[in-house]
Amino acid sequence: AFRGLAFYDARRIGYTYDVSKGGGRTSCVVYK
């Protein structure tokens, strides 16, 4: 955490791409 690697991990996992293209992240906790 906080070592500058999280974006690159999210990108290679596919989280950073649009849901319509198979990206996004599910089962997330959100405090509205």
PDB file of all heavy atoms in Angstrom:
ATOM      1  N   ALA A   1       0.834  -1.208   0.000  1.00  0.00           N
ATOM      2  CA  ALA A   1       0.000   0.000   0.000  1.00  0.00           C
ATOM      3  C   ALA A   1       0.866   1.255   0.000  1.00  0.00           C
ATOM      4  O   ALA A   1       1.885   1.324   0.688  1.00  0.00           O
ATOM      5  CB  ALA A   1      -0.912   0.007   1.221  1.00  0.00           C
ATOM      6  N   PHE A   2       0.482   2.233  -0.787  1.00  0.00           N
ATOM      7  CA  PHE A   2       1.148   3.537  -0.882  1.00  0.00           C
ATOM      8  C   PHE A   2       2.567   3.442  -1.455  1.00  0.00           C
ATOM      9  O   PHE A   2       3.386   4.328  -1.222  1.00  0.00           O
ATOM     10  CB  PHE A   2       1.190   4.236   0.487  1.00  0.00           C
ATOM     11  CG  PHE A   2      -0.176   4.494   1.067  1.00  0.00           C
ATOM     12  CD1 PHE A   2      -0.716   3.657   2.022  1.00  0.00           C
ATOM     13  CD2 PHE A   2      -0.929   5.582   0.643  1.00  0.00           C
ATOM     14  CE1 PHE A   2      -1.980   3.888   2.550  1.00  0.00           C
ATOM     15  CE2 PHE A   2      -2.195   5.825   1.161  1.00  0.00           C
ATOM     16  CZ  PHE A   2      -2.719   4.977   2.113  1.00  0.00           C
ATOM     17  N   ARG A   3       2.849   2.401  -2.219  1.00  0.00           N
ATOM     18  CA  ARG A   3       4.172   2.279  -2.843  1.00  0.00           C
ATOM     19  C   ARG A   3       4.141   2.506  -4.348  1.00  0.00           C
ATOM     20  O   ARG A   3       5.079   2.161  -5.067  1.00  0.00           O
ATOM     21  CB  ARG A   3       4.797   0.916  -2.514  1.00  0.00           C
ATOM     22  CG  ARG A   3       5.013   0.732  -1.019  1.00  0.00           C
ATOM     23  CD  ARG A   3       5.933  -0.405  -0.697  1.00  0.00           C
ATOM     24  NE  ARG A   3       5.936  -0.681   0.743  1.00  0.00           N
ATOM     25  CZ  ARG A   3       6.684  -1.596   1.327  1.00  0.00           C
ATOM     26  NH1 ARG A   3       7.510  -2.331   0.605  1.00  0.00           N
ATOM     27  NH2 ARG A   3       6.621  -1.793   2.632  1.00  0.00           N
ATOM     28  N   GLY A   4       3.030   3.065  -4.836  1.00  0.00           N
ATOM     29  CA  GLY A   4       2.971   3.457  -6.242  1.00  0.00           C
ATOM     30  C   GLY A   4       2.728   2.325  -7.211  1.00  0.00           C
ATOM     31  O   GLY A   4       3.021   2.457  -8.402  1.00  0.00           O
ATOM     32  N   LEU A   5       2.181   1.202  -6.749  1.00  0.00           N
ATOM     33  CA  LEU A   5       1.999   0.039  -7.611  1.00  0.00           C
ATOM     34  C   LEU A   5       0.535  -0.319  -7.842  1.00  0.00           C
ATOM     35  O   LEU A   5       0.230  -1.122  -8.726  1.00  0.00           O
ATOM     36  CB  LEU A   5       2.712  -1.173  -6.998  1.00  0.00           C
ATOM     37  CG  LEU A   5       4.229  -1.025  -6.833  1.00  0.00           C
ATOM     38  CD1 LEU A   5       4.777  -2.149  -5.962  1.00  0.00           C
ATOM     39  CD2 LEU A   5       4.921  -1.013  -8.179  1.00  0.00           C
ATOM     40  N   ALA A   6      -0.373   0.268  -7.079  1.00  0.00           N
ATOM     41  CA  ALA A   6      -1.774  -0.165  -7.099  1.00  0.00           C
ATOM     42  C   ALA A   6      -2.430   0.041  -8.461  1.00  0.00           C
ATOM     43  O   ALA A   6      -3.197  -0.810  -8.927  1.00  0.00           O
ATOM     44  CB  ALA A   6      -2.571   0.564  -6.015  1.00  0.00           C
ATOM     45  N   PHE A   7      -2.147   1.169  -9.129  1.00  0.00           N
ATOM     46  CA  PHE A   7      -2.776   1.405 -10.432  1.00  0.00           C
ATOM     47  C   PHE A   7      -2.350   0.343 -11.436  1.00  0.00           C
ATOM     48  O   PHE A   7      -3.168  -0.169 -12.207  1.00  0.00           O
ATOM     49  CB  PHE A   7      -2.438   2.797 -10.971  1.00  0.00           C
ATOM     50  CG  PHE A   7      -2.867   2.979 -12.408  1.00  0.00           C
ATOM     51  CD1 PHE A   7      -4.184   3.252 -12.716  1.00  0.00           C
ATOM     52  CD2 PHE A   7      -1.959   2.836 -13.447  1.00  0.00           C
ATOM     53  CE1 PHE A   7      -4.598   3.389 -14.040  1.00  0.00           C
ATOM     54  CE2 PHE A   7      -2.359   2.975 -14.769  1.00  0.00           C
ATOM     55  CZ  PHE A   7      -3.674   3.247 -15.066  1.00  0.00           C
ATOM     56  N   TYR A   8      -1.063   0.023 -11.439  1.00  0.00           N
ATOM     57  CA  TYR A   8      -0.553  -0.942 -12.415  1.00  0.00           C
ATOM     58  C   TYR A   8      -1.131  -2.330 -12.162  1.00  0.00           C
ATOM     59  O   TYR A   8      -1.415  -3.078 -13.104  1.00  0.00           O
ATOM     60  CB  TYR A   8       0.980  -0.958 -12.376  1.00  0.00           C
ATOM     61  CG  TYR A   8       1.548   0.411 -12.637  1.00  0.00           C
ATOM     62  CD1 TYR A   8       2.006   1.213 -11.606  1.00  0.00           C
ATOM     63  CD2 TYR A   8       1.572   0.930 -13.934  1.00  0.00           C
ATOM     64  CE1 TYR A   8       2.487   2.481 -11.834  1.00  0.00           C
ATOM     65  CE2 TYR A   8       2.054   2.202 -14.185  1.00  0.00           C
ATOM     66  CZ  TYR A   8       2.507   2.977 -13.125  1.00  0.00           C
ATOM     67  OH  TYR A   8       2.971   4.240 -13.364  1.00  0.00           O
ATOM     68  N   ASP A   9      -1.331  -2.670 -10.889  1.00  0.00           N
ATOM     69  CA  ASP A   9      -1.987  -3.942 -10.569  1.00  0.00           C
ATOM     70  C   ASP A   9      -3.436  -3.929 -11.044  1.00  0.00           C
ATOM     71  O   ASP A   9      -3.919  -4.901 -11.630  1.00  0.00           O
ATOM     72  CB  ASP A   9      -1.936  -4.200  -9.062  1.00  0.00           C
ATOM     73  CG  ASP A   9      -0.573  -4.692  -8.595  1.00  0.00           C
ATOM     74  OD1 ASP A   9       0.281  -5.005  -9.456  1.00  0.00           O
ATOM     75  OD2 ASP A   9      -0.349  -4.743  -7.375  1.00  0.00           O
ATOM     76  N   ALA A  10      -4.136  -2.833 -10.787  1.00  0.00           N
ATOM     77  CA  ALA A  10      -5.541  -2.733 -11.206  1.00  0.00           C
ATOM     78  C   ALA A  10      -5.658  -2.808 -12.722  1.00  0.00           C
ATOM     79  O   ALA A  10      -6.594  -3.424 -13.253  1.00  0.00           O
ATOM     80  CB  ALA A  10      -6.152  -1.430 -10.688  1.00  0.00           C
ATOM     81  N   ARG A  11      -4.705  -2.205 -13.420  1.00  0.00           N
ATOM     82  CA  ARG A  11      -4.748  -2.217 -14.887  1.00  0.00           C
ATOM     83  C   ARG A  11      -4.532  -3.627 -15.427  1.00  0.00           C
ATOM     84  O   ARG A  11      -5.265  -4.078 -16.310  1.00  0.00           O
ATOM     85  CB  ARG A  11      -3.669  -1.274 -15.446  1.00  0.00           C
ATOM     86  CG  ARG A  11      -3.664  -1.192 -16.972  1.00  0.00           C
ATOM     87  CD  ARG A  11      -2.649  -0.187 -17.473  1.00  0.00           C
ATOM     88  NE  ARG A  11      -1.276  -0.614 -17.197  1.00  0.00           N
ATOM     89  CZ  ARG A  11      -0.202   0.121 -17.494  1.00  0.00           C
ATOM     90  NH1 ARG A  11      -0.351   1.323 -18.044  1.00  0.00           N
ATOM     91  NH2 ARG A  11       1.014  -0.327 -17.232  1.00  0.00           N
ATOM     92  N   ARG A  12      -3.541  -4.354 -14.895  1.00  0.00           N
ATOM     93  CA  ARG A  12      -3.275  -5.682 -15.457  1.00  0.00           C
ATOM     94  C   ARG A  12      -4.348  -6.695 -15.045  1.00  0.00           C
ATOM     95  O   ARG A  12      -4.605  -7.648 -15.780  1.00  0.00           O
ATOM     96  CB  ARG A  12      -1.875  -6.151 -15.086  1.00  0.00           C
ATOM     97  CG  ARG A  12      -1.570  -6.349 -13.632  1.00  0.00           C
ATOM     98  CD  ARG A  12      -0.050  -6.382 -13.370  1.00  0.00           C
ATOM     99  NE  ARG A  12       0.251  -6.657 -11.975  1.00  0.00           N
ATOM    100  CZ  ARG A  12       0.448  -7.873 -11.481  1.00  0.00           C
ATOM    101  NH1 ARG A  12       0.390  -8.919 -12.276  1.00  0.00           N
ATOM    102  NH2 ARG A  12       0.719  -8.049 -10.210  1.00  0.00           N
ATOM    103  N   ILE A  13      -5.005  -6.462 -13.882  1.00  0.00           N
ATOM    104  CA  ILE A  13      -6.132  -7.319 -13.498  1.00  0.00           C
ATOM    105  C   ILE A  13      -7.343  -7.042 -14.381  1.00  0.00           C
ATOM    106  O   ILE A  13      -8.157  -7.924 -14.643  1.00  0.00           O
ATOM    107  CB  ILE A  13      -6.488  -7.096 -12.013  1.00  0.00           C
ATOM    108  CG1 ILE A  13      -5.370  -7.654 -11.126  1.00  0.00           C
ATOM    109  CG2 ILE A  13      -7.816  -7.760 -11.647  1.00  0.00           C
ATOM    110  CD1 ILE A  13      -5.497  -7.261  -9.671  1.00  0.00           C
ATOM    111  N   GLY A  14      -7.459  -5.802 -14.862  1.00  0.00           N
ATOM    112  CA  GLY A  14      -8.577  -5.418 -15.727  1.00  0.00           C
ATOM    113  C   GLY A  14      -9.574  -4.498 -15.071  1.00  0.00           C
ATOM    114  O   GLY A  14     -10.536  -4.056 -15.694  1.00  0.00           O
ATOM    115  N   TYR A  15      -9.357  -4.157 -13.789  1.00  0.00           N
ATOM    116  CA  TYR A  15     -10.288  -3.288 -13.076  1.00  0.00           C
ATOM    117  C   TYR A  15     -10.466  -1.925 -13.742  1.00  0.00           C
ATOM    118  O   TYR A  15     -11.547  -1.331 -13.677  1.00  0.00           O
ATOM    119  CB  TYR A  15      -9.802  -3.058 -11.642  1.00  0.00           C
ATOM    120  CG  TYR A  15      -9.957  -4.229 -10.704  1.00  0.00           C
ATOM    121  CD1 TYR A  15      -9.332  -4.221  -9.453  1.00  0.00           C
ATOM    122  CD2 TYR A  15     -10.730  -5.338 -11.035  1.00  0.00           C
ATOM    123  CE1 TYR A  15      -9.461  -5.288  -8.571  1.00  0.00           C
ATOM    124  CE2 TYR A  15     -10.855  -6.407 -10.158  1.00  0.00           C
ATOM    125  CZ  TYR A  15     -10.226  -6.371  -8.930  1.00  0.00           C
ATOM    126  OH  TYR A  15     -10.356  -7.418  -8.056  1.00  0.00           O
ATOM    127  N   THR A  16      -9.416  -1.383 -14.327  1.00  0.00           N
ATOM    128  CA  THR A  16      -9.450   0.001 -14.796  1.00  0.00           C
ATOM    129  C   THR A  16     -10.264   0.185 -16.075  1.00  0.00           C
ATOM    130  O   THR A  16     -10.554   1.312 -16.460  1.00  0.00           O
ATOM    131  CB  THR A  16      -8.030   0.527 -15.039  1.00  0.00           C
ATOM    132  OG1 THR A  16      -7.377  -0.286 -16.025  1.00  0.00           O
ATOM    133  CG2 THR A  16      -7.221   0.523 -13.749  1.00  0.00           C
ATOM    134  N   TYR A  17     -10.625  -0.908 -16.732  1.00  0.00           N
ATOM    135  CA  TYR A  17     -11.354  -0.794 -17.993  1.00  0.00           C
ATOM    136  C   TYR A  17     -12.866  -0.733 -17.757  1.00  0.00           C
ATOM    137  O   TYR A  17     -13.362  -1.120 -16.697  1.00  0.00           O
ATOM    138  CB  TYR A  17     -10.994  -1.970 -18.917  1.00  0.00           C
ATOM    139  CG  TYR A  17      -9.545  -1.958 -19.303  1.00  0.00           C
ATOM    140  CD1 TYR A  17      -8.624  -2.785 -18.673  1.00  0.00           C
ATOM    141  CD2 TYR A  17      -9.074  -1.072 -20.269  1.00  0.00           C
ATOM    142  CE1 TYR A  17      -7.278  -2.752 -19.003  1.00  0.00           C
ATOM    143  CE2 TYR A  17      -7.727  -1.024 -20.612  1.00  0.00           C
ATOM    144  CZ  TYR A  17      -6.835  -1.861 -19.977  1.00  0.00           C
ATOM    145  OH  TYR A  17      -5.510  -1.806 -20.300  1.00  0.00           O
ATOM    146  N   ASP A  18     -13.584  -0.273 -18.766  1.00  0.00           N
ATOM    147  CA  ASP A  18     -15.029  -0.110 -18.670  1.00  0.00           C
ATOM    148  C   ASP A  18     -15.718  -1.459 -18.446  1.00  0.00           C
ATOM    149  O   ASP A  18     -15.287  -2.486 -18.986  1.00  0.00           O
ATOM    150  CB  ASP A  18     -15.561   0.543 -19.949  1.00  0.00           C
ATOM    151  CG  ASP A  18     -16.994   1.004 -19.798  1.00  0.00           C
ATOM    152  OD1 ASP A  18     -17.212   2.135 -19.339  1.00  0.00           O
ATOM    153  OD2 ASP A  18     -17.904   0.216 -20.135  1.00  0.00           O
ATOM    154  N   VAL A  19     -16.782  -1.422 -17.652  1.00  0.00           N
ATOM    155  CA  VAL A  19     -17.546  -2.643 -17.370  1.00  0.00           C
ATOM    156  C   VAL A  19     -18.030  -3.290 -18.660  1.00  0.00           C
ATOM    157  O   VAL A  19     -18.045  -4.519 -18.784  1.00  0.00           O
ATOM    158  CB  VAL A  19     -18.732  -2.325 -16.433  1.00  0.00           C
ATOM    159  CG1 VAL A  19     -19.703  -3.488 -16.369  1.00  0.00           C
ATOM    160  CG2 VAL A  19     -18.225  -1.995 -15.030  1.00  0.00           C
ATOM    161  N   SER A  20     -18.406  -2.476 -19.642  1.00  0.00           N
ATOM    162  CA  SER A  20     -18.909  -3.012 -20.909  1.00  0.00           C
ATOM    163  C   SER A  20     -17.848  -3.805 -21.666  1.00  0.00           C
ATOM    164  O   SER A  20     -18.164  -4.596 -22.554  1.00  0.00           O
ATOM    165  CB  SER A  20     -19.426  -1.872 -21.798  1.00  0.00           C
ATOM    166  OG  SER A  20     -18.355  -1.020 -22.189  1.00  0.00           O
ATOM    167  N   LYS A  21     -16.569  -3.601 -21.307  1.00  0.00           N
ATOM    168  CA  LYS A  21     -15.470  -4.326 -21.945  1.00  0.00           C
ATOM    169  C   LYS A  21     -14.929  -5.435 -21.049  1.00  0.00           C
ATOM    170  O   LYS A  21     -13.850  -5.977 -21.309  1.00  0.00           O
ATOM    171  CB  LYS A  21     -14.352  -3.346 -22.312  1.00  0.00           C
ATOM    172  CG  LYS A  21     -14.788  -2.273 -23.306  1.00  0.00           C
ATOM    173  CD  LYS A  21     -13.659  -1.290 -23.591  1.00  0.00           C
ATOM    174  CE  LYS A  21     -14.107  -0.206 -24.576  1.00  0.00           C
ATOM    175  NZ  LYS A  21     -13.044   0.785 -24.834  1.00  0.00           N
ATOM    176  N   GLY A  22     -15.651  -5.732 -19.972  1.00  0.00           N
ATOM    177  CA  GLY A  22     -15.220  -6.791 -19.067  1.00  0.00           C
ATOM    178  C   GLY A  22     -14.428  -6.295 -17.879  1.00  0.00           C
ATOM    179  O   GLY A  22     -13.923  -7.095 -17.088  1.00  0.00           O
ATOM    180  N   GLY A  23     -14.314  -4.968 -17.748  1.00  0.00           N
ATOM    181  CA  GLY A  23     -13.541  -4.397 -16.656  1.00  0.00           C
ATOM    182  C   GLY A  23     -14.390  -4.104 -15.436  1.00  0.00           C
ATOM    183  O   GLY A  23     -15.452  -4.687 -15.226  1.00  0.00           O
ATOM    184  N   GLY A  24     -13.909  -3.169 -14.620  1.00  0.00           N
ATOM    185  CA  GLY A  24     -14.608  -2.816 -13.393  1.00  0.00           C
ATOM    186  C   GLY A  24     -14.315  -3.802 -12.277  1.00  0.00           C
ATOM    187  O   GLY A  24     -13.646  -4.818 -12.457  1.00  0.00           O
ATOM    188  N   ARG A  25     -14.821  -3.490 -11.094  1.00  0.00           N
ATOM    189  CA  ARG A  25     -14.611  -4.347  -9.920  1.00  0.00           C
ATOM    190  C   ARG A  25     -15.951  -4.611  -9.252  1.00  0.00           C
ATOM    191  O   ARG A  25     -16.757  -3.695  -9.071  1.00  0.00           O
ATOM    192  CB  ARG A  25     -13.648  -3.669  -8.945  1.00  0.00           C
ATOM    193  CG  ARG A  25     -13.368  -4.501  -7.697  1.00  0.00           C
ATOM    194  CD  ARG A  25     -12.400  -3.828  -6.754  1.00  0.00           C
ATOM    195  NE  ARG A  25     -12.313  -4.581  -5.492  1.00  0.00           N
ATOM    196  CZ  ARG A  25     -11.597  -4.206  -4.433  1.00  0.00           C
ATOM    197  NH1 ARG A  25     -10.901  -3.080  -4.474  1.00  0.00           N
ATOM    198  NH2 ARG A  25     -11.576  -4.944  -3.346  1.00  0.00           N
ATOM    199  N   THR A  26     -16.169  -5.857  -8.868  1.00  0.00           N
ATOM    200  CA  THR A  26     -17.429  -6.244  -8.230  1.00  0.00           C
ATOM    201  C   THR A  26     -17.219  -6.464  -6.732  1.00  0.00           C
ATOM    202  O   THR A  26     -16.100  -6.479  -6.236  1.00  0.00           O
ATOM    203  CB  THR A  26     -17.984  -7.535  -8.865  1.00  0.00           C
ATOM    204  OG1 THR A  26     -17.025  -8.585  -8.709  1.00  0.00           O
ATOM    205  CG2 THR A  26     -18.257  -7.329 -10.353  1.00  0.00           C
ATOM    206  N   SER A  27     -18.317  -6.635  -6.028  1.00  0.00           N
ATOM    207  CA  SER A  27     -18.328  -6.925  -4.578  1.00  0.00           C
ATOM    208  C   SER A  27     -17.587  -5.863  -3.776  1.00  0.00           C
ATOM    209  O   SER A  27     -16.866  -6.160  -2.816  1.00  0.00           O
ATOM    210  CB  SER A  27     -17.716  -8.308  -4.302  1.00  0.00           C
ATOM    211  OG  SER A  27     -18.412  -9.311  -5.008  1.00  0.00           O
ATOM    212  N   CYS A  28     -17.773  -4.608  -4.151  1.00  0.00           N
ATOM    213  CA  CYS A  28     -17.092  -3.498  -3.480  1.00  0.00           C
ATOM    214  C   CYS A  28     -17.931  -2.949  -2.325  1.00  0.00           C
ATOM    215  O   CYS A  28     -19.162  -2.911  -2.403  1.00  0.00           O
ATOM    216  CB  CYS A  28     -16.833  -2.361  -4.468  1.00  0.00           C
ATOM    217  SG  CYS A  28     -15.699  -2.795  -5.781  1.00  0.00           S
ATOM    218  N   VAL A  29     -17.237  -2.498  -1.287  1.00  0.00           N
ATOM    219  CA  VAL A  29     -17.905  -1.808  -0.179  1.00  0.00           C
ATOM    220  C   VAL A  29     -17.966  -0.323  -0.513  1.00  0.00           C
ATOM    221  O   VAL A  29     -16.956   0.293  -0.861  1.00  0.00           O
ATOM    222  CB  VAL A  29     -17.149  -2.025   1.137  1.00  0.00           C
ATOM    223  CG1 VAL A  29     -17.776  -1.188   2.252  1.00  0.00           C
ATOM    224  CG2 VAL A  29     -17.132  -3.502   1.505  1.00  0.00           C
ATOM    225  N   VAL A  30     -19.155   0.243  -0.408  1.00  0.00           N
ATOM    226  CA  VAL A  30     -19.375   1.654  -0.707  1.00  0.00           C
ATOM    227  C   VAL A  30     -20.169   2.281   0.432  1.00  0.00           C
ATOM    228  O   VAL A  30     -21.219   1.753   0.829  1.00  0.00           O
ATOM    229  CB  VAL A  30     -20.127   1.828  -2.049  1.00  0.00           C
ATOM    230  CG1 VAL A  30     -20.656   3.244  -2.186  1.00  0.00           C
ATOM    231  CG2 VAL A  30     -19.229   1.480  -3.222  1.00  0.00           C
ATOM    232  N   TYR A  31     -19.664   3.376   0.974  1.00  0.00           N
ATOM    233  CA  TYR A  31     -20.363   4.133   2.021  1.00  0.00           C
ATOM    234  C   TYR A  31     -20.912   5.386   1.364  1.00  0.00           C
ATOM    235  O   TYR A  31     -20.165   6.264   0.940  1.00  0.00           O
ATOM    236  CB  TYR A  31     -19.384   4.486   3.137  1.00  0.00           C
ATOM    237  CG  TYR A  31     -20.014   5.111   4.361  1.00  0.00           C
ATOM    238  CD1 TYR A  31     -21.107   4.533   4.987  1.00  0.00           C
ATOM    239  CD2 TYR A  31     -19.479   6.276   4.908  1.00  0.00           C
ATOM    240  CE1 TYR A  31     -21.663   5.093   6.124  1.00  0.00           C
ATOM    241  CE2 TYR A  31     -20.025   6.850   6.046  1.00  0.00           C
ATOM    242  CZ  TYR A  31     -21.120   6.251   6.649  1.00  0.00           C
ATOM    243  OH  TYR A  31     -21.670   6.807   7.776  1.00  0.00           O
ATOM    244  N   LYS A  32     -22.221   5.466   1.264  1.00  0.00           N
ATOM    245  CA  LYS A  32     -22.832   6.543   0.499  1.00  0.00           C
ATOM    246  C   LYS A  32     -22.908   7.839   1.309  1.00  0.00           C
ATOM    247  O   LYS A  32     -22.821   7.828   2.541  1.00  0.00           O
ATOM    248  CB  LYS A  32     -24.223   6.126   0.035  1.00  0.00           C
ATOM    249  CG  LYS A  32     -24.220   4.922  -0.894  1.00  0.00           C
ATOM    250  CD  LYS A  32     -25.631   4.576  -1.336  1.00  0.00           C
ATOM    251  CE  LYS A  32     -25.662   3.361  -2.231  1.00  0.00           C
ATOM    252  NZ  LYS A  32     -27.040   3.016  -2.662  1.00  0.00           N
TER     253      LYS A  32
END
